[in-house]
Amino acid sequence: MELYKGRPENTEGRLPREIRTYDFLDKLGIEYYRTDHERADNMAACNEIDAVLGVIICKNLFLCNRQKTVFYLLMMPGDKKFKTKELSSQINSARLSFADPEDMLKYLDIEPGAVSIMGLMNDSENKVQLLIDEDVLKGEDLGCHPCVCTSSLKMKTADVLGRFLPETGHDYRAVRLTGED
Protein backbone atom coordinates (compact mmCIF):
# COMPACT_ATOMS: atom_id res chain seq x y z
CA MET A 1 0.00 0.00 0.00
CA GLU A 2 1.12 3.51 -0.78
CA LEU A 3 0.00 6.87 0.53
CA TYR A 4 -1.22 9.37 -2.06
CA LYS A 5 -2.26 12.98 -1.70
CA GLY A 6 -5.72 13.58 -3.13
CA ARG A 7 -7.82 11.71 -5.66
CA PRO A 8 -6.57 8.91 -7.90
CA GLU A 9 -5.25 10.00 -11.30
CA ASN A 10 -6.99 7.10 -13.03
CA THR A 11 -10.61 6.56 -11.95
CA GLU A 12 -11.26 3.61 -14.25
CA GLY A 13 -12.92 0.76 -12.38
CA ARG A 14 -13.88 2.92 -9.39
CA LEU A 15 -17.49 3.23 -8.29
CA PRO A 16 -19.34 6.50 -8.91
CA ARG A 17 -19.95 6.92 -5.15
CA GLU A 18 -16.19 6.97 -4.56
CA ILE A 19 -15.59 9.55 -7.31
CA ARG A 20 -18.42 11.71 -5.91
CA THR A 21 -16.63 11.68 -2.55
CA TYR A 22 -13.42 13.02 -4.10
CA ASP A 23 -15.41 15.59 -6.10
CA PHE A 24 -17.14 16.79 -2.93
CA LEU A 25 -13.93 17.08 -0.91
CA ASP A 26 -12.10 18.80 -3.77
CA LYS A 27 -14.97 21.28 -4.22
CA LEU A 28 -14.64 22.21 -0.54
CA GLY A 29 -10.85 22.48 -0.78
CA ILE A 30 -10.35 19.84 1.89
CA GLU A 31 -6.91 18.25 1.78
CA TYR A 32 -6.87 14.48 2.16
CA TYR A 33 -4.51 11.55 1.85
CA ARG A 34 -5.58 8.21 0.40
CA THR A 35 -4.46 4.63 0.28
CA ASP A 36 -5.98 1.86 -1.82
CA HIS A 37 -6.21 -1.66 -0.45
CA GLU A 38 -8.07 -4.94 -0.51
CA ARG A 39 -11.28 -5.18 1.50
CA ALA A 40 -10.19 -5.11 5.14
CA ASP A 41 -12.11 -7.83 6.94
CA ASN A 42 -9.84 -8.46 9.92
CA MET A 43 -7.95 -6.40 12.48
CA ALA A 44 -4.52 -7.20 11.02
CA ALA A 45 -5.56 -5.69 7.67
CA CYS A 46 -7.06 -2.66 9.44
CA ASN A 47 -3.86 -2.14 11.45
CA GLU A 48 -1.82 -2.21 8.23
CA ILE A 49 -4.06 0.46 6.67
CA ASP A 50 -3.84 2.56 9.85
CA ALA A 51 -0.04 2.37 9.72
CA VAL A 52 0.07 3.60 6.10
CA LEU A 53 -2.29 6.50 6.87
CA GLY A 54 -0.73 7.31 10.23
CA VAL A 55 -4.16 7.44 11.84
CA ILE A 56 -6.67 5.00 13.32
CA ILE A 57 -9.60 4.44 11.00
CA CYS A 58 -12.85 5.10 12.85
CA LYS A 59 -15.30 2.33 13.50
CA ASN A 60 -18.55 3.50 11.89
CA LEU A 61 -21.82 1.88 12.89
CA PHE A 62 -25.14 2.50 11.17
CA LEU A 63 -27.87 2.13 13.79
CA CYS A 64 -31.59 2.65 14.14
CA ASN A 65 -34.33 2.61 16.73
CA ARG A 66 -36.66 -0.39 16.99
CA GLN A 67 -39.32 1.25 14.81
CA LYS A 68 -36.72 2.07 12.13
CA THR A 69 -37.83 5.70 12.11
CA VAL A 70 -34.62 7.24 13.44
CA PHE A 71 -31.18 6.42 12.03
CA TYR A 72 -27.77 7.12 13.54
CA LEU A 73 -24.23 7.03 12.23
CA LEU A 74 -21.86 6.43 15.14
CA MET A 75 -18.14 7.19 14.77
CA MET A 76 -15.93 5.70 17.44
CA PRO A 77 -12.32 4.57 17.83
CA GLY A 78 -11.74 1.20 16.21
CA ASP A 79 -10.30 -0.27 19.39
CA LYS A 80 -13.33 0.48 21.59
CA LYS A 81 -16.08 -2.04 22.17
CA PHE A 82 -19.59 -0.92 21.36
CA LYS A 83 -22.14 -1.29 24.16
CA THR A 84 -25.68 -0.57 23.00
CA LYS A 85 -26.94 0.19 26.50
CA GLU A 86 -24.23 2.81 27.06
CA LEU A 87 -25.18 4.74 23.92
CA SER A 88 -28.94 4.28 24.28
CA SER A 89 -29.00 6.04 27.62
CA GLN A 90 -27.08 9.05 26.24
CA ILE A 91 -29.36 9.62 23.26
CA ASN A 92 -32.63 8.55 24.93
CA SER A 93 -33.33 5.86 22.39
CA ALA A 94 -34.12 2.43 23.73
CA ARG A 95 -33.66 -0.68 21.66
CA LEU A 96 -30.94 0.44 19.27
CA SER A 97 -29.94 -2.09 16.66
CA PHE A 98 -27.94 -2.26 13.48
CA ALA A 99 -29.86 -0.83 10.55
CA ASP A 100 -30.55 -2.91 7.46
CA PRO A 101 -28.17 -2.76 4.50
CA GLU A 102 -31.09 -1.50 2.39
CA ASP A 103 -31.46 1.56 4.64
CA MET A 104 -27.71 2.14 4.53
CA LEU A 105 -27.87 2.20 0.74
CA LYS A 106 -31.04 4.30 0.70
CA TYR A 107 -29.83 7.07 3.04
CA LEU A 108 -26.03 7.04 2.68
CA ASP A 109 -25.44 5.31 -0.68
CA ILE A 110 -23.03 2.96 1.11
CA GLU A 111 -22.86 -0.81 1.40
CA PRO A 112 -21.84 -2.82 4.48
CA GLY A 113 -18.11 -2.66 5.13
CA ALA A 114 -17.79 0.88 3.76
CA VAL A 115 -19.85 2.87 6.29
CA SER A 116 -18.35 6.32 6.60
CA ILE A 117 -19.09 9.90 7.58
CA MET A 118 -18.56 10.67 3.88
CA GLY A 119 -21.94 9.04 3.20
CA LEU A 120 -23.65 12.02 4.85
CA MET A 121 -23.09 13.96 1.61
CA ASN A 122 -25.75 11.63 0.14
CA ASP A 123 -28.29 12.23 2.95
CA SER A 124 -29.88 15.39 1.56
CA GLU A 125 -33.01 14.92 3.67
CA ASN A 126 -31.05 14.70 6.96
CA LYS A 127 -32.53 11.35 7.93
CA VAL A 128 -29.31 10.24 9.66
CA GLN A 129 -28.10 11.74 12.94
CA LEU A 130 -24.34 11.80 13.44
CA LEU A 131 -22.93 10.70 16.80
CA ILE A 132 -19.19 11.03 17.43
CA ASP A 133 -17.34 9.58 20.39
CA GLU A 134 -15.41 12.26 22.26
CA ASP A 135 -12.12 10.38 21.71
CA VAL A 136 -12.53 10.76 17.93
CA LEU A 137 -13.10 14.48 18.41
CA LYS A 138 -9.81 14.78 20.32
CA GLY A 139 -7.75 13.57 17.37
CA GLU A 140 -6.11 16.03 14.98
CA ASP A 141 -6.80 13.69 12.04
CA LEU A 142 -9.41 11.08 11.33
CA GLY A 143 -9.56 8.16 8.97
CA CYS A 144 -12.55 6.96 7.00
CA HIS A 145 -13.60 5.31 3.75
CA PRO A 146 -14.59 7.31 0.63
CA CYS A 147 -17.92 5.39 0.52
CA VAL A 148 -16.14 2.20 -0.62
CA CYS A 149 -14.22 -0.36 1.42
CA THR A 150 -11.20 -0.60 -0.90
CA SER A 151 -9.76 2.86 -0.16
CA SER A 152 -9.22 4.82 3.02
CA LEU A 153 -8.74 8.53 3.64
CA LYS A 154 -6.98 10.67 6.22
CA MET A 155 -7.98 14.29 6.75
CA LYS A 156 -8.03 16.94 9.44
CA THR A 157 -10.81 16.47 11.99
CA ALA A 158 -11.35 20.23 11.96
CA ASP A 159 -11.97 20.16 8.19
CA VAL A 160 -14.54 17.40 8.52
CA LEU A 161 -16.37 19.13 11.37
CA GLY A 162 -16.02 22.72 10.18
CA ARG A 163 -16.29 22.40 6.42
CA PHE A 164 -17.60 18.99 5.34
CA LEU A 165 -20.49 18.65 7.80
CA PRO A 166 -21.92 22.17 7.30
CA GLU A 167 -21.90 21.62 3.54
CA THR A 168 -23.92 18.40 3.99
CA GLY A 169 -26.39 20.16 6.30
CA HIS A 170 -25.50 17.87 9.21
CA ASP A 171 -24.36 18.56 12.72
CA TYR A 172 -23.08 16.06 15.24
CA ARG A 173 -23.67 15.09 18.82
CA ALA A 174 -20.70 14.15 20.99
CA VAL A 175 -21.11 10.97 23.03
CA ARG A 176 -18.89 9.35 25.62
CA LEU A 177 -18.35 5.65 25.16
CA THR A 178 -16.14 3.73 27.56
CA GLY A 179 -16.49 0.29 25.99
CA GLU A 180 -16.59 -1.17 29.50
CA ASP A 181 -19.08 -3.70 30.80
C-alpha atoms as a PDB file:
ATOM      1  CA  MET A   1       0.000   0.000   0.000  1.00  0.00           C
ATOM      2  CA  GLU A   2       1.115   3.509  -0.775  1.00  0.00           C
ATOM      3  CA  LEU A   3       0.002   6.870   0.535  1.00  0.00           C
ATOM      4  CA  TYR A   4      -1.219   9.373  -2.060  1.00  0.00           C
ATOM      5  CA  LYS A   5      -2.257  12.979  -1.702  1.00  0.00           C
ATOM      6  CA  GLY A   6      -5.723  13.579  -3.132  1.00  0.00           C
ATOM      7  CA  ARG A   7      -7.823  11.710  -5.656  1.00  0.00           C
ATOM      8  CA  PRO A   8      -6.575   8.909  -7.903  1.00  0.00           C
ATOM      9  CA  GLU A   9      -5.248   9.998 -11.296  1.00  0.00           C
ATOM     10  CA  ASN A  10      -6.990   7.101 -13.028  1.00  0.00           C
ATOM     11  CA  THR A  11     -10.606   6.562 -11.954  1.00  0.00           C
ATOM     12  CA  GLU A  12     -11.259   3.606 -14.250  1.00  0.00           C
ATOM     13  CA  GLY A  13     -12.919   0.758 -12.383  1.00  0.00           C
ATOM     14  CA  ARG A  14     -13.877   2.918  -9.395  1.00  0.00           C
ATOM     15  CA  LEU A  15     -17.488   3.233  -8.285  1.00  0.00           C
ATOM     16  CA  PRO A  16     -19.344   6.504  -8.915  1.00  0.00           C
ATOM     17  CA  ARG A  17     -19.953   6.925  -5.153  1.00  0.00           C
ATOM     18  CA  GLU A  18     -16.191   6.970  -4.559  1.00  0.00           C
ATOM     19  CA  ILE A  19     -15.591   9.547  -7.308  1.00  0.00           C
ATOM     20  CA  ARG A  20     -18.424  11.712  -5.909  1.00  0.00           C
ATOM     21  CA  THR A  21     -16.630  11.681  -2.547  1.00  0.00           C
ATOM     22  CA  TYR A  22     -13.421  13.023  -4.099  1.00  0.00           C
ATOM     23  CA  ASP A  23     -15.406  15.591  -6.102  1.00  0.00           C
ATOM     24  CA  PHE A  24     -17.143  16.786  -2.935  1.00  0.00           C
ATOM     25  CA  LEU A  25     -13.929  17.078  -0.907  1.00  0.00           C
ATOM     26  CA  ASP A  26     -12.104  18.800  -3.774  1.00  0.00           C
ATOM     27  CA  LYS A  27     -14.966  21.277  -4.222  1.00  0.00           C
ATOM     28  CA  LEU A  28     -14.637  22.207  -0.538  1.00  0.00           C
ATOM     29  CA  GLY A  29     -10.851  22.484  -0.780  1.00  0.00           C
ATOM     30  CA  ILE A  30     -10.349  19.835   1.889  1.00  0.00           C
ATOM     31  CA  GLU A  31      -6.913  18.248   1.783  1.00  0.00           C
ATOM     32  CA  TYR A  32      -6.872  14.477   2.160  1.00  0.00           C
ATOM     33  CA  TYR A  33      -4.509  11.550   1.850  1.00  0.00           C
ATOM     34  CA  ARG A  34      -5.581   8.214   0.401  1.00  0.00           C
ATOM     35  CA  THR A  35      -4.457   4.631   0.281  1.00  0.00           C
ATOM     36  CA  ASP A  36      -5.982   1.855  -1.824  1.00  0.00           C
ATOM     37  CA  HIS A  37      -6.214  -1.662  -0.449  1.00  0.00           C
ATOM     38  CA  GLU A  38      -8.071  -4.940  -0.513  1.00  0.00           C
ATOM     39  CA  ARG A  39     -11.281  -5.184   1.502  1.00  0.00           C
ATOM     40  CA  ALA A  40     -10.187  -5.111   5.145  1.00  0.00           C
ATOM     41  CA  ASP A  41     -12.114  -7.829   6.942  1.00  0.00           C
ATOM     42  CA  ASN A  42      -9.840  -8.465   9.916  1.00  0.00           C
ATOM     43  CA  MET A  43      -7.952  -6.398  12.481  1.00  0.00           C
ATOM     44  CA  ALA A  44      -4.516  -7.203  11.015  1.00  0.00           C
ATOM     45  CA  ALA A  45      -5.558  -5.690   7.671  1.00  0.00           C
ATOM     46  CA  CYS A  46      -7.058  -2.663   9.443  1.00  0.00           C
ATOM     47  CA  ASN A  47      -3.863  -2.145  11.446  1.00  0.00           C
ATOM     48  CA  GLU A  48      -1.816  -2.212   8.235  1.00  0.00           C
ATOM     49  CA  ILE A  49      -4.061   0.461   6.668  1.00  0.00           C
ATOM     50  CA  ASP A  50      -3.843   2.558   9.851  1.00  0.00           C
ATOM     51  CA  ALA A  51      -0.036   2.369   9.720  1.00  0.00           C
ATOM     52  CA  VAL A  52       0.065   3.599   6.102  1.00  0.00           C
ATOM     53  CA  LEU A  53      -2.293   6.500   6.873  1.00  0.00           C
ATOM     54  CA  GLY A  54      -0.732   7.312  10.231  1.00  0.00           C
ATOM     55  CA  VAL A  55      -4.165   7.440  11.842  1.00  0.00           C
ATOM     56  CA  ILE A  56      -6.668   4.997  13.324  1.00  0.00           C
ATOM     57  CA  ILE A  57      -9.604   4.444  11.001  1.00  0.00           C
ATOM     58  CA  CYS A  58     -12.854   5.100  12.853  1.00  0.00           C
ATOM     59  CA  LYS A  59     -15.301   2.326  13.496  1.00  0.00           C
ATOM     60  CA  ASN A  60     -18.547   3.500  11.893  1.00  0.00           C
ATOM     61  CA  LEU A  61     -21.822   1.880  12.890  1.00  0.00           C
ATOM     62  CA  PHE A  62     -25.143   2.499  11.167  1.00  0.00           C
ATOM     63  CA  LEU A  63     -27.867   2.131  13.790  1.00  0.00           C
ATOM     64  CA  CYS A  64     -31.592   2.653  14.139  1.00  0.00           C
ATOM     65  CA  ASN A  65     -34.325   2.610  16.730  1.00  0.00           C
ATOM     66  CA  ARG A  66     -36.659  -0.386  16.990  1.00  0.00           C
ATOM     67  CA  GLN A  67     -39.325   1.246  14.806  1.00  0.00           C
ATOM     68  CA  LYS A  68     -36.722   2.065  12.128  1.00  0.00           C
ATOM     69  CA  THR A  69     -37.831   5.695  12.113  1.00  0.00           C
ATOM     70  CA  VAL A  70     -34.617   7.242  13.437  1.00  0.00           C
ATOM     71  CA  PHE A  71     -31.184   6.417  12.032  1.00  0.00           C
ATOM     72  CA  TYR A  72     -27.768   7.117  13.538  1.00  0.00           C
ATOM     73  CA  LEU A  73     -24.225   7.032  12.234  1.00  0.00           C
ATOM     74  CA  LEU A  74     -21.860   6.432  15.137  1.00  0.00           C
ATOM     75  CA  MET A  75     -18.144   7.187  14.771  1.00  0.00           C
ATOM     76  CA  MET A  76     -15.927   5.700  17.444  1.00  0.00           C
ATOM     77  CA  PRO A  77     -12.317   4.571  17.834  1.00  0.00           C
ATOM     78  CA  GLY A  78     -11.739   1.201  16.211  1.00  0.00           C
ATOM     79  CA  ASP A  79     -10.297  -0.270  19.392  1.00  0.00           C
ATOM     80  CA  LYS A  80     -13.332   0.479  21.595  1.00  0.00           C
ATOM     81  CA  LYS A  81     -16.080  -2.043  22.168  1.00  0.00           C
ATOM     82  CA  PHE A  82     -19.593  -0.915  21.360  1.00  0.00           C
ATOM     83  CA  LYS A  83     -22.142  -1.291  24.161  1.00  0.00           C
ATOM     84  CA  THR A  84     -25.683  -0.571  23.000  1.00  0.00           C
ATOM     85  CA  LYS A  85     -26.941   0.192  26.503  1.00  0.00           C
ATOM     86  CA  GLU A  86     -24.231   2.810  27.057  1.00  0.00           C
ATOM     87  CA  LEU A  87     -25.181   4.737  23.915  1.00  0.00           C
ATOM     88  CA  SER A  88     -28.945   4.282  24.279  1.00  0.00           C
ATOM     89  CA  SER A  89     -28.997   6.044  27.624  1.00  0.00           C
ATOM     90  CA  GLN A  90     -27.080   9.055  26.242  1.00  0.00           C
ATOM     91  CA  ILE A  91     -29.357   9.618  23.259  1.00  0.00           C
ATOM     92  CA  ASN A  92     -32.630   8.553  24.932  1.00  0.00           C
ATOM     93  CA  SER A  93     -33.326   5.863  22.386  1.00  0.00           C
ATOM     94  CA  ALA A  94     -34.119   2.430  23.729  1.00  0.00           C
ATOM     95  CA  ARG A  95     -33.656  -0.680  21.660  1.00  0.00           C
ATOM     96  CA  LEU A  96     -30.944   0.437  19.268  1.00  0.00           C
ATOM     97  CA  SER A  97     -29.944  -2.089  16.656  1.00  0.00           C
ATOM     98  CA  PHE A  98     -27.936  -2.265  13.478  1.00  0.00           C
ATOM     99  CA  ALA A  99     -29.861  -0.834  10.551  1.00  0.00           C
ATOM    100  CA  ASP A 100     -30.549  -2.911   7.464  1.00  0.00           C
ATOM    101  CA  PRO A 101     -28.168  -2.756   4.497  1.00  0.00           C
ATOM    102  CA  GLU A 102     -31.095  -1.498   2.393  1.00  0.00           C
ATOM    103  CA  ASP A 103     -31.457   1.556   4.643  1.00  0.00           C
ATOM    104  CA  MET A 104     -27.712   2.140   4.530  1.00  0.00           C
ATOM    105  CA  LEU A 105     -27.868   2.201   0.735  1.00  0.00           C
ATOM    106  CA  LYS A 106     -31.036   4.301   0.702  1.00  0.00           C
ATOM    107  CA  TYR A 107     -29.825   7.066   3.038  1.00  0.00           C
ATOM    108  CA  LEU A 108     -26.026   7.036   2.683  1.00  0.00           C
ATOM    109  CA  ASP A 109     -25.437   5.307  -0.682  1.00  0.00           C
ATOM    110  CA  ILE A 110     -23.034   2.964   1.106  1.00  0.00           C
ATOM    111  CA  GLU A 111     -22.861  -0.805   1.398  1.00  0.00           C
ATOM    112  CA  PRO A 112     -21.835  -2.815   4.483  1.00  0.00           C
ATOM    113  CA  GLY A 113     -18.106  -2.659   5.128  1.00  0.00           C
ATOM    114  CA  ALA A 114     -17.787   0.882   3.756  1.00  0.00           C
ATOM    115  CA  VAL A 115     -19.850   2.865   6.290  1.00  0.00           C
ATOM    116  CA  SER A 116     -18.348   6.321   6.601  1.00  0.00           C
ATOM    117  CA  ILE A 117     -19.086   9.898   7.578  1.00  0.00           C
ATOM    118  CA  MET A 118     -18.559  10.674   3.877  1.00  0.00           C
ATOM    119  CA  GLY A 119     -21.939   9.045   3.203  1.00  0.00           C
ATOM    120  CA  LEU A 120     -23.654  12.023   4.849  1.00  0.00           C
ATOM    121  CA  MET A 121     -23.087  13.959   1.615  1.00  0.00           C
ATOM    122  CA  ASN A 122     -25.753  11.630   0.140  1.00  0.00           C
ATOM    123  CA  ASP A 123     -28.292  12.226   2.948  1.00  0.00           C
ATOM    124  CA  SER A 124     -29.879  15.386   1.560  1.00  0.00           C
ATOM    125  CA  GLU A 125     -33.013  14.925   3.674  1.00  0.00           C
ATOM    126  CA  ASN A 126     -31.051  14.701   6.961  1.00  0.00           C
ATOM    127  CA  LYS A 127     -32.530  11.351   7.929  1.00  0.00           C
ATOM    128  CA  VAL A 128     -29.312  10.244   9.663  1.00  0.00           C
ATOM    129  CA  GLN A 129     -28.100  11.742  12.944  1.00  0.00           C
ATOM    130  CA  LEU A 130     -24.336  11.797  13.441  1.00  0.00           C
ATOM    131  CA  LEU A 131     -22.933  10.698  16.796  1.00  0.00           C
ATOM    132  CA  ILE A 132     -19.194  11.033  17.433  1.00  0.00           C
ATOM    133  CA  ASP A 133     -17.339   9.581  20.394  1.00  0.00           C
ATOM    134  CA  GLU A 134     -15.407  12.257  22.263  1.00  0.00           C
ATOM    135  CA  ASP A 135     -12.124  10.376  21.713  1.00  0.00           C
ATOM    136  CA  VAL A 136     -12.534  10.757  17.931  1.00  0.00           C
ATOM    137  CA  LEU A 137     -13.101  14.479  18.413  1.00  0.00           C
ATOM    138  CA  LYS A 138      -9.812  14.785  20.316  1.00  0.00           C
ATOM    139  CA  GLY A 139      -7.754  13.568  17.368  1.00  0.00           C
ATOM    140  CA  GLU A 140      -6.107  16.026  14.979  1.00  0.00           C
ATOM    141  CA  ASP A 141      -6.804  13.687  12.045  1.00  0.00           C
ATOM    142  CA  LEU A 142      -9.413  11.085  11.327  1.00  0.00           C
ATOM    143  CA  GLY A 143      -9.559   8.159   8.972  1.00  0.00           C
ATOM    144  CA  CYS A 144     -12.555   6.959   6.999  1.00  0.00           C
ATOM    145  CA  HIS A 145     -13.604   5.313   3.753  1.00  0.00           C
ATOM    146  CA  PRO A 146     -14.592   7.312   0.633  1.00  0.00           C
ATOM    147  CA  CYS A 147     -17.918   5.394   0.521  1.00  0.00           C
ATOM    148  CA  VAL A 148     -16.141   2.204  -0.622  1.00  0.00           C
ATOM    149  CA  CYS A 149     -14.219  -0.362   1.422  1.00  0.00           C
ATOM    150  CA  THR A 150     -11.200  -0.601  -0.900  1.00  0.00           C
ATOM    151  CA  SER A 151      -9.760   2.856  -0.156  1.00  0.00           C
ATOM    152  CA  SER A 152      -9.219   4.820   3.017  1.00  0.00           C
ATOM    153  CA  LEU A 153      -8.739   8.525   3.641  1.00  0.00           C
ATOM    154  CA  LYS A 154      -6.977  10.667   6.217  1.00  0.00           C
ATOM    155  CA  MET A 155      -7.985  14.289   6.746  1.00  0.00           C
ATOM    156  CA  LYS A 156      -8.029  16.937   9.437  1.00  0.00           C
ATOM    157  CA  THR A 157     -10.805  16.465  11.987  1.00  0.00           C
ATOM    158  CA  ALA A 158     -11.349  20.234  11.963  1.00  0.00           C
ATOM    159  CA  ASP A 159     -11.971  20.163   8.189  1.00  0.00           C
ATOM    160  CA  VAL A 160     -14.540  17.402   8.523  1.00  0.00           C
ATOM    161  CA  LEU A 161     -16.373  19.132  11.368  1.00  0.00           C
ATOM    162  CA  GLY A 162     -16.023  22.722  10.184  1.00  0.00           C
ATOM    163  CA  ARG A 163     -16.285  22.402   6.417  1.00  0.00           C
ATOM    164  CA  PHE A 164     -17.603  18.993   5.342  1.00  0.00           C
ATOM    165  CA  LEU A 165     -20.490  18.652   7.803  1.00  0.00           C
ATOM    166  CA  PRO A 166     -21.919  22.174   7.304  1.00  0.00           C
ATOM    167  CA  GLU A 167     -21.895  21.616   3.541  1.00  0.00           C
ATOM    168  CA  THR A 168     -23.915  18.404   3.990  1.00  0.00           C
ATOM    169  CA  GLY A 169     -26.387  20.158   6.299  1.00  0.00           C
ATOM    170  CA  HIS A 170     -25.497  17.867   9.206  1.00  0.00           C
ATOM    171  CA  ASP A 171     -24.356  18.562  12.716  1.00  0.00           C
ATOM    172  CA  TYR A 172     -23.084  16.055  15.242  1.00  0.00           C
ATOM    173  CA  ARG A 173     -23.675  15.094  18.817  1.00  0.00           C
ATOM    174  CA  ALA A 174     -20.703  14.153  20.990  1.00  0.00           C
ATOM    175  CA  VAL A 175     -21.114  10.970  23.028  1.00  0.00           C
ATOM    176  CA  ARG A 176     -18.893   9.345  25.616  1.00  0.00           C
ATOM    177  CA  LEU A 177     -18.345   5.647  25.155  1.00  0.00           C
ATOM    178  CA  THR A 178     -16.144   3.730  27.562  1.00  0.00           C
ATOM    179  CA  GLY A 179     -16.487   0.287  25.994  1.00  0.00           C
ATOM    180  CA  GLU A 180     -16.594  -1.165  29.498  1.00  0.00           C
ATOM    181  CA  ASP A 181     -19.079  -3.700  30.798  1.00  0.00           C
END
